[in-house]
């Protein structure tokens, strides 16, 4: 199920979870129309764009290092 994680450059960031934790948390793919900055709340877990997959798609994983809020 797709979800809007937030915005980047005023445009929505679309998320497609690949893994859902129970009762919360999610890891997966996100589509950015612009830059992929910062962290986003994915059902309770802060996730960051960690791997650029091309054409605006990123793998979203647990935040590590300076990108974390």
C-alpha atoms as a PDB file:
ATOM      1  CA  UNK A   1       0.000   0.000   0.000  1.00  0.00           C
ATOM      2  CA  UNK A   2       1.446   3.373  -1.018  1.00  0.00           C
ATOM      3  CA  UNK A   3       1.759   6.228   1.464  1.00  0.00           C
ATOM      4  CA  UNK A   4       2.899   9.842   1.248  1.00  0.00           C
ATOM      5  CA  UNK A   5       5.812  10.167   3.715  1.00  0.00           C
ATOM      6  CA  UNK A   6       6.013  13.941   3.546  1.00  0.00           C
ATOM      7  CA  UNK A   7       7.268  16.503   1.065  1.00  0.00           C
ATOM      8  CA  UNK A   8      10.534  17.386  -0.649  1.00  0.00           C
ATOM      9  CA  UNK A   9      10.751  20.700  -2.452  1.00  0.00           C
ATOM     10  CA  UNK A  10       7.028  21.200  -1.897  1.00  0.00           C
ATOM     11  CA  UNK A  11       6.124  17.950  -3.673  1.00  0.00           C
ATOM     12  CA  UNK A  12       4.879  14.713  -2.085  1.00  0.00           C
ATOM     13  CA  UNK A  13       7.282  11.840  -1.412  1.00  0.00           C
ATOM     14  CA  UNK A  14       5.553   8.579  -2.329  1.00  0.00           C
ATOM     15  CA  UNK A  15       6.536   5.501  -0.289  1.00  0.00           C
ATOM     16  CA  UNK A  16       6.016   1.850  -1.220  1.00  0.00           C
ATOM     17  CA  UNK A  17       6.886  -0.338   1.795  1.00  0.00           C
ATOM     18  CA  UNK A  18       8.765  -3.562   1.163  1.00  0.00           C
ATOM     19  CA  UNK A  19       8.863  -4.559   4.845  1.00  0.00           C
ATOM     20  CA  UNK A  20       6.295  -3.711   7.535  1.00  0.00           C
ATOM     21  CA  UNK A  21       6.978  -4.250  11.222  1.00  0.00           C
ATOM     22  CA  UNK A  22       4.231  -5.279  13.597  1.00  0.00           C
ATOM     23  CA  UNK A  23       2.686  -3.165  15.019  1.00  0.00           C
ATOM     24  CA  UNK A  24       4.605  -0.360  13.275  1.00  0.00           C
ATOM     25  CA  UNK A  25       7.708   0.646  11.264  1.00  0.00           C
ATOM     26  CA  UNK A  26       8.385   0.248   7.543  1.00  0.00           C
ATOM     27  CA  UNK A  27      11.306   0.040   5.121  1.00  0.00           C
ATOM     28  CA  UNK A  28      11.041   0.231   1.356  1.00  0.00           C
ATOM     29  CA  UNK A  29      11.068   2.407  -1.722  1.00  0.00           C
ATOM     30  CA  UNK A  30      10.306   6.120  -2.120  1.00  0.00           C
ATOM     31  CA  UNK A  31       9.933   8.366  -5.127  1.00  0.00           C
ATOM     32  CA  UNK A  32      11.304  11.922  -4.982  1.00  0.00           C
ATOM     33  CA  UNK A  33      10.629  14.433  -7.759  1.00  0.00           C
ATOM     34  CA  UNK A  34      13.575  16.532  -6.562  1.00  0.00           C
ATOM     35  CA  UNK A  35      16.329  16.258  -3.958  1.00  0.00           C
ATOM     36  CA  UNK A  36      16.136  13.452  -1.374  1.00  0.00           C
ATOM     37  CA  UNK A  37      17.075  15.176   1.905  1.00  0.00           C
ATOM     38  CA  UNK A  38      16.544  14.388   5.563  1.00  0.00           C
ATOM     39  CA  UNK A  39      14.493  11.814   7.366  1.00  0.00           C
ATOM     40  CA  UNK A  40      10.848  10.776   7.224  1.00  0.00           C
ATOM     41  CA  UNK A  41       8.472   9.038   9.640  1.00  0.00           C
ATOM     42  CA  UNK A  42       7.619   5.589   8.235  1.00  0.00           C
ATOM     43  CA  UNK A  43       4.923   4.302  10.570  1.00  0.00           C
ATOM     44  CA  UNK A  44       6.962   5.255  13.643  1.00  0.00           C
ATOM     45  CA  UNK A  45      10.530   4.580  12.435  1.00  0.00           C
ATOM     46  CA  UNK A  46      12.714   7.386  11.104  1.00  0.00           C
ATOM     47  CA  UNK A  47      13.932   6.398   7.639  1.00  0.00           C
ATOM     48  CA  UNK A  48      16.325   8.139   5.257  1.00  0.00           C
ATOM     49  CA  UNK A  49      17.054   7.732   1.554  1.00  0.00           C
ATOM     50  CA  UNK A  50      20.145   5.496   1.594  1.00  0.00           C
ATOM     51  CA  UNK A  51      20.520   4.060  -1.921  1.00  0.00           C
ATOM     52  CA  UNK A  52      19.671   5.895  -5.142  1.00  0.00           C
ATOM     53  CA  UNK A  53      17.984   3.437  -7.508  1.00  0.00           C
ATOM     54  CA  UNK A  54      17.596   5.815 -10.460  1.00  0.00           C
ATOM     55  CA  UNK A  55      14.852   7.948 -12.022  1.00  0.00           C
ATOM     56  CA  UNK A  56      13.855   9.509  -8.674  1.00  0.00           C
ATOM     57  CA  UNK A  57      13.550   6.199  -6.765  1.00  0.00           C
ATOM     58  CA  UNK A  58      15.423   5.586  -3.497  1.00  0.00           C
ATOM     59  CA  UNK A  59      15.684   2.753  -0.989  1.00  0.00           C
ATOM     60  CA  UNK A  60      14.543   4.020   2.433  1.00  0.00           C
ATOM     61  CA  UNK A  61      16.279   2.453   5.440  1.00  0.00           C
ATOM     62  CA  UNK A  62      16.860   3.286   9.098  1.00  0.00           C
ATOM     63  CA  UNK A  63      18.599   6.640   9.477  1.00  0.00           C
ATOM     64  CA  UNK A  64      22.257   6.545  10.433  1.00  0.00           C
ATOM     65  CA  UNK A  65      24.711   9.393  10.794  1.00  0.00           C
ATOM     66  CA  UNK A  66      24.187  13.099  10.078  1.00  0.00           C
ATOM     67  CA  UNK A  67      20.972  12.796   8.021  1.00  0.00           C
ATOM     68  CA  UNK A  68      18.988  11.742  11.095  1.00  0.00           C
ATOM     69  CA  UNK A  69      16.752  14.387  12.746  1.00  0.00           C
END
